[in-house]
Amino acid sequence: MTRPTRTRRTVLKAAGATLLVTTTAGCSGDNGDDDDGGAEETEDGYEIEPGTTILFEGRTSGWVGIEPEAIEDEQNPTLILEEGEEYEIGWPEGDGTRHNIEIWDEDGDVVEDYETGLTDDPGDDQILAITATEEMAAYRCRPHGSMEGEIRVE
């Protein structure tokens, strides 16, 4: 999958000289924070900031990260969420095979009805709005065991 890259050009004039600066969206300045797109990689997984939308491409071989940027191209990344905080998680594109997304506890049961129906065309309704709870252990596509990633709630 190739995603278009947005660029911004800024012309700076100083002492008679002109400087053209081209920046990639999301990388244009230092505000004291690294622009991590809502997540940070740690040795245990990816710490996801509250309010972040977590998107995957649905492939029978596994969930492949799209957003936030830190999980891009990672297969079945471990997500570290903050207890009581809200997130969105789902898949806006796939490989044409029927998938769904569910949030499971350690026993393989769906947590708080956090599940979508099976579809090969995800559309807008394959994104779940969730509140992280300590019983969450995984995100999963029910028919494909290879499409399962760990959730840790801290």
C-alpha atoms as a PDB file:
ATOM      1  CA  MET A   1       0.000   0.000   0.000  1.00  0.00           C
ATOM      2  CA  THR A   2       1.379   3.374  -0.951  1.00  0.00           C
ATOM      3  CA  ARG A   3       0.125   6.404   0.906  1.00  0.00           C
ATOM      4  CA  PRO A   4       0.501   9.897  -0.560  1.00  0.00           C
ATOM      5  CA  THR A   5       2.854  12.157   1.359  1.00  0.00           C
ATOM      6  CA  ARG A   6       1.821  15.747   1.901  1.00  0.00           C
ATOM      7  CA  THR A   7       4.536  18.347   1.778  1.00  0.00           C
ATOM      8  CA  ARG A   8       4.621  21.969   2.780  1.00  0.00           C
ATOM      9  CA  ARG A   9       6.992  24.493   1.268  1.00  0.00           C
ATOM     10  CA  THR A  10       8.046  27.529   3.197  1.00  0.00           C
ATOM     11  CA  VAL A  11      10.036  30.354   1.696  1.00  0.00           C
ATOM     12  CA  LEU A  12      12.260  32.209   4.139  1.00  0.00           C
ATOM     13  CA  LYS A  13      13.931  35.467   3.186  1.00  0.00           C
ATOM     14  CA  ALA A  14      16.802  36.847   5.184  1.00  0.00           C
ATOM     15  CA  ALA A  15      19.439  39.394   4.253  1.00  0.00           C
ATOM     16  CA  GLY A  16      18.662  39.199   0.560  1.00  0.00           C
ATOM     17  CA  ALA A  17      18.861  35.403   0.370  1.00  0.00           C
ATOM     18  CA  THR A  18      15.932  33.080  -0.259  1.00  0.00           C
ATOM     19  CA  LEU A  19      15.738  29.638   1.290  1.00  0.00           C
ATOM     20  CA  LEU A  20      13.136  27.074   0.270  1.00  0.00           C
ATOM     21  CA  VAL A  21      12.321  24.565   2.983  1.00  0.00           C
ATOM     22  CA  THR A  22      10.269  21.462   2.181  1.00  0.00           C
ATOM     23  CA  THR A  23       8.827  19.508   5.077  1.00  0.00           C
ATOM     24  CA  THR A  24       6.771  16.363   5.292  1.00  0.00           C
ATOM     25  CA  ALA A  25       3.455  16.717   7.099  1.00  0.00           C
ATOM     26  CA  GLY A  26       3.844  15.903  10.763  1.00  0.00           C
ATOM     27  CA  CYS A  27       7.572  16.653  10.772  1.00  0.00           C
ATOM     28  CA  SER A  28       7.611  20.415  10.474  1.00  0.00           C
ATOM     29  CA  GLY A  29       8.968  21.911  13.591  1.00  0.00           C
ATOM     30  CA  ASP A  30      10.019  21.404  17.136  1.00  0.00           C
ATOM     31  CA  ASN A  31       7.320  22.092  19.647  1.00  0.00           C
ATOM     32  CA  GLY A  32       9.228  20.349  22.409  1.00  0.00           C
ATOM     33  CA  ASP A  33       7.499  17.041  21.631  1.00  0.00           C
ATOM     34  CA  ASP A  34       8.507  14.402  19.143  1.00  0.00           C
ATOM     35  CA  ASP A  35       5.671  13.912  16.657  1.00  0.00           C
ATOM     36  CA  ASP A  36       4.999  10.254  17.304  1.00  0.00           C
ATOM     37  CA  GLY A  37       1.472  10.239  15.929  1.00  0.00           C
ATOM     38  CA  GLY A  38      -0.104   9.243  19.258  1.00  0.00           C
ATOM     39  CA  ALA A  39       2.130   6.305  20.181  1.00  0.00           C
ATOM     40  CA  GLU A  40       5.594   5.527  21.448  1.00  0.00           C
ATOM     41  CA  GLU A  41       7.484   2.277  20.981  1.00  0.00           C
ATOM     42  CA  THR A  42       8.772   0.654  24.177  1.00  0.00           C
ATOM     43  CA  GLU A  43      10.405  -2.719  24.798  1.00  0.00           C
ATOM     44  CA  ASP A  44       6.967  -4.089  25.811  1.00  0.00           C
ATOM     45  CA  GLY A  45       4.950  -2.762  22.878  1.00  0.00           C
ATOM     46  CA  TYR A  46       3.469   0.546  21.801  1.00  0.00           C
ATOM     47  CA  GLU A  47       2.159   2.982  24.404  1.00  0.00           C
ATOM     48  CA  ILE A  48      -0.878   4.579  22.810  1.00  0.00           C
ATOM     49  CA  GLU A  49      -1.935   8.054  23.907  1.00  0.00           C
ATOM     50  CA  PRO A  50      -5.555   8.417  25.092  1.00  0.00           C
ATOM     51  CA  GLY A  51      -7.913   9.620  22.364  1.00  0.00           C
ATOM     52  CA  THR A  52      -5.796   8.069  19.587  1.00  0.00           C
ATOM     53  CA  THR A  53      -7.349   6.258  16.641  1.00  0.00           C
ATOM     54  CA  ILE A  54      -5.596   2.942  15.984  1.00  0.00           C
ATOM     55  CA  LEU A  55      -6.015   1.696  12.416  1.00  0.00           C
ATOM     56  CA  PHE A  56      -4.986  -1.540  10.756  1.00  0.00           C
ATOM     57  CA  GLU A  57      -5.064  -3.104   7.339  1.00  0.00           C
ATOM     58  CA  GLY A  58      -6.892  -6.414   7.614  1.00  0.00           C
ATOM     59  CA  ARG A  59      -4.845  -9.232   6.060  1.00  0.00           C
ATOM     60  CA  THR A  60      -5.342 -12.921   6.744  1.00  0.00           C
ATOM     61  CA  SER A  61      -1.654 -13.060   7.682  1.00  0.00           C
ATOM     62  CA  GLY A  62      -2.201 -10.505  10.466  1.00  0.00           C
ATOM     63  CA  TRP A  63      -3.257  -6.992  11.394  1.00  0.00           C
ATOM     64  CA  VAL A  64      -0.826  -4.543   9.789  1.00  0.00           C
ATOM     65  CA  GLY A  65      -0.536  -1.145  11.452  1.00  0.00           C
ATOM     66  CA  ILE A  66      -1.535   1.989   9.553  1.00  0.00           C
ATOM     67  CA  GLU A  67      -1.955   4.585  12.325  1.00  0.00           C
ATOM     68  CA  PRO A  68      -0.616   5.954  14.575  1.00  0.00           C
ATOM     69  CA  GLU A  69       2.681   6.370  12.770  1.00  0.00           C
ATOM     70  CA  ALA A  70       4.651   4.383  15.380  1.00  0.00           C
ATOM     71  CA  ILE A  71       2.808   1.147  14.465  1.00  0.00           C
ATOM     72  CA  GLU A  72       2.916   1.683  10.696  1.00  0.00           C
ATOM     73  CA  ASP A  73       3.733  -1.612   8.913  1.00  0.00           C
ATOM     74  CA  GLU A  74       4.013  -3.530  12.227  1.00  0.00           C
ATOM     75  CA  GLN A  75       2.157  -6.848  12.232  1.00  0.00           C
ATOM     76  CA  ASN A  76      -0.064  -7.510  15.268  1.00  0.00           C
ATOM     77  CA  PRO A  77       1.676  -4.890  17.443  1.00  0.00           C
ATOM     78  CA  THR A  78       1.197  -5.059  21.222  1.00  0.00           C
ATOM     79  CA  LEU A  79      -0.904  -2.070  22.269  1.00  0.00           C
ATOM     80  CA  ILE A  80      -0.412  -0.549  25.712  1.00  0.00           C
ATOM     81  CA  LEU A  81      -3.482   1.446  26.723  1.00  0.00           C
ATOM     82  CA  GLU A  82      -4.308   3.531  29.792  1.00  0.00           C
ATOM     83  CA  GLU A  83      -7.105   2.191  31.982  1.00  0.00           C
ATOM     84  CA  GLY A  84     -10.297   4.240  31.806  1.00  0.00           C
ATOM     85  CA  GLU A  85      -9.183   6.153  28.701  1.00  0.00           C
ATOM     86  CA  GLU A  86     -10.972   6.192  25.351  1.00  0.00           C
ATOM     87  CA  TYR A  87      -9.586   5.045  22.016  1.00  0.00           C
ATOM     88  CA  GLU A  88     -10.847   4.078  18.579  1.00  0.00           C
ATOM     89  CA  ILE A  89      -9.593   0.861  16.986  1.00  0.00           C
ATOM     90  CA  GLY A  90     -10.443  -0.790  13.691  1.00  0.00           C
ATOM     91  CA  TRP A  91      -9.621  -1.343  10.052  1.00  0.00           C
ATOM     92  CA  PRO A  92     -10.497   0.912   7.109  1.00  0.00           C
ATOM     93  CA  GLU A  93      -8.993  -1.351   4.435  1.00  0.00           C
ATOM     94  CA  GLY A  94      -8.256  -5.001   3.854  1.00  0.00           C
ATOM     95  CA  ASP A  95      -7.241  -7.779   1.514  1.00  0.00           C
ATOM     96  CA  GLY A  96     -10.759  -8.534   0.237  1.00  0.00           C
ATOM     97  CA  THR A  97     -11.294 -11.412   2.681  1.00  0.00           C
ATOM     98  CA  ARG A  98     -14.078 -11.288   5.268  1.00  0.00           C
ATOM     99  CA  HIS A  99     -12.782  -9.930   8.582  1.00  0.00           C
ATOM    100  CA  ASN A 100     -14.101  -8.332  11.738  1.00  0.00           C
ATOM    101  CA  ILE A 101     -12.470  -6.875  14.819  1.00  0.00           C
ATOM    102  CA  GLU A 102     -13.187  -7.871  18.404  1.00  0.00           C
ATOM    103  CA  ILE A 103     -11.676  -7.023  21.775  1.00  0.00           C
ATOM    104  CA  TRP A 104     -11.125 -10.189  23.855  1.00  0.00           C
ATOM    105  CA  ASP A 105     -10.392 -10.984  27.465  1.00  0.00           C
ATOM    106  CA  GLU A 106      -7.886 -13.672  28.538  1.00  0.00           C
ATOM    107  CA  ASP A 107     -10.529 -16.407  28.071  1.00  0.00           C
ATOM    108  CA  GLY A 108     -11.267 -15.442  24.455  1.00  0.00           C
ATOM    109  CA  ASP A 109     -14.608 -13.825  25.277  1.00  0.00           C
ATOM    110  CA  VAL A 110     -15.644 -10.506  23.752  1.00  0.00           C
ATOM    111  CA  VAL A 111     -15.299  -7.623  26.231  1.00  0.00           C
ATOM    112  CA  GLU A 112     -18.371  -5.366  26.610  1.00  0.00           C
ATOM    113  CA  ASP A 113     -19.749  -6.128  23.123  1.00  0.00           C
ATOM    114  CA  TYR A 114     -16.661  -4.621  21.465  1.00  0.00           C
ATOM    115  CA  GLU A 115     -17.035  -6.432  18.151  1.00  0.00           C
ATOM    116  CA  THR A 116     -18.041  -5.740  14.567  1.00  0.00           C
ATOM    117  CA  GLY A 117     -19.743  -7.908  11.982  1.00  0.00           C
ATOM    118  CA  LEU A 118     -17.855  -9.831   9.305  1.00  0.00           C
ATOM    119  CA  THR A 119     -17.305  -7.939   6.066  1.00  0.00           C
ATOM    120  CA  ASP A 120     -14.922  -7.799   3.122  1.00  0.00           C
ATOM    121  CA  ASP A 121     -15.681  -4.065   2.728  1.00  0.00           C
ATOM    122  CA  PRO A 122     -14.991  -2.425   6.111  1.00  0.00           C
ATOM    123  CA  GLY A 123     -16.470   1.016   5.439  1.00  0.00           C
ATOM    124  CA  ASP A 124     -17.020   3.283   8.420  1.00  0.00           C
ATOM    125  CA  ASP A 125     -18.557   0.712  10.763  1.00  0.00           C
ATOM    126  CA  GLN A 126     -15.389  -1.327  11.382  1.00  0.00           C
ATOM    127  CA  ILE A 127     -14.045   1.202  13.903  1.00  0.00           C
ATOM    128  CA  LEU A 128     -14.812   0.551  17.578  1.00  0.00           C
ATOM    129  CA  ALA A 129     -14.934   3.311  20.193  1.00  0.00           C
ATOM    130  CA  ILE A 130     -13.566   1.644  23.339  1.00  0.00           C
ATOM    131  CA  THR A 131     -12.774   2.526  26.922  1.00  0.00           C
ATOM    132  CA  ALA A 132      -9.716   0.602  28.116  1.00  0.00           C
ATOM    133  CA  THR A 133     -10.377  -1.817  30.986  1.00  0.00           C
ATOM    134  CA  GLU A 134      -8.047  -4.251  32.722  1.00  0.00           C
ATOM    135  CA  GLU A 135      -9.978  -7.233  31.350  1.00  0.00           C
ATOM    136  CA  MET A 136      -8.889  -6.421  27.762  1.00  0.00           C
ATOM    137  CA  ALA A 137      -6.208  -8.833  26.563  1.00  0.00           C
ATOM    138  CA  ALA A 138      -6.322  -8.896  22.747  1.00  0.00           C
ATOM    139  CA  TYR A 139      -7.734  -7.482  19.536  1.00  0.00           C
ATOM    140  CA  ARG A 140      -8.712 -10.199  17.105  1.00  0.00           C
ATOM    141  CA  CYS A 141     -10.408 -11.148  13.852  1.00  0.00           C
ATOM    142  CA  ARG A 142     -12.667 -14.054  14.842  1.00  0.00           C
ATOM    143  CA  PRO A 143     -12.132 -16.257  11.753  1.00  0.00           C
ATOM    144  CA  HIS A 144      -8.372 -15.710  11.415  1.00  0.00           C
ATOM    145  CA  GLY A 145      -6.164 -16.773  14.333  1.00  0.00           C
ATOM    146  CA  SER A 146      -3.170 -15.102  12.687  1.00  0.00           C
ATOM    147  CA  MET A 147      -4.942 -11.739  13.135  1.00  0.00           C
ATOM    148  CA  GLU A 148      -4.490 -11.315  16.883  1.00  0.00           C
ATOM    149  CA  GLY A 149      -2.508  -8.758  18.812  1.00  0.00           C
ATOM    150  CA  GLU A 150      -2.007  -8.292  22.526  1.00  0.00           C
ATOM    151  CA  ILE A 151      -3.555  -5.465  24.544  1.00  0.00           C
ATOM    152  CA  ARG A 152      -2.045  -4.428  27.855  1.00  0.00           C
ATOM    153  CA  VAL A 153      -3.943  -1.996  30.032  1.00  0.00           C
ATOM    154  CA  GLU A 154      -1.963  -0.093  32.646  1.00  0.00           C
END
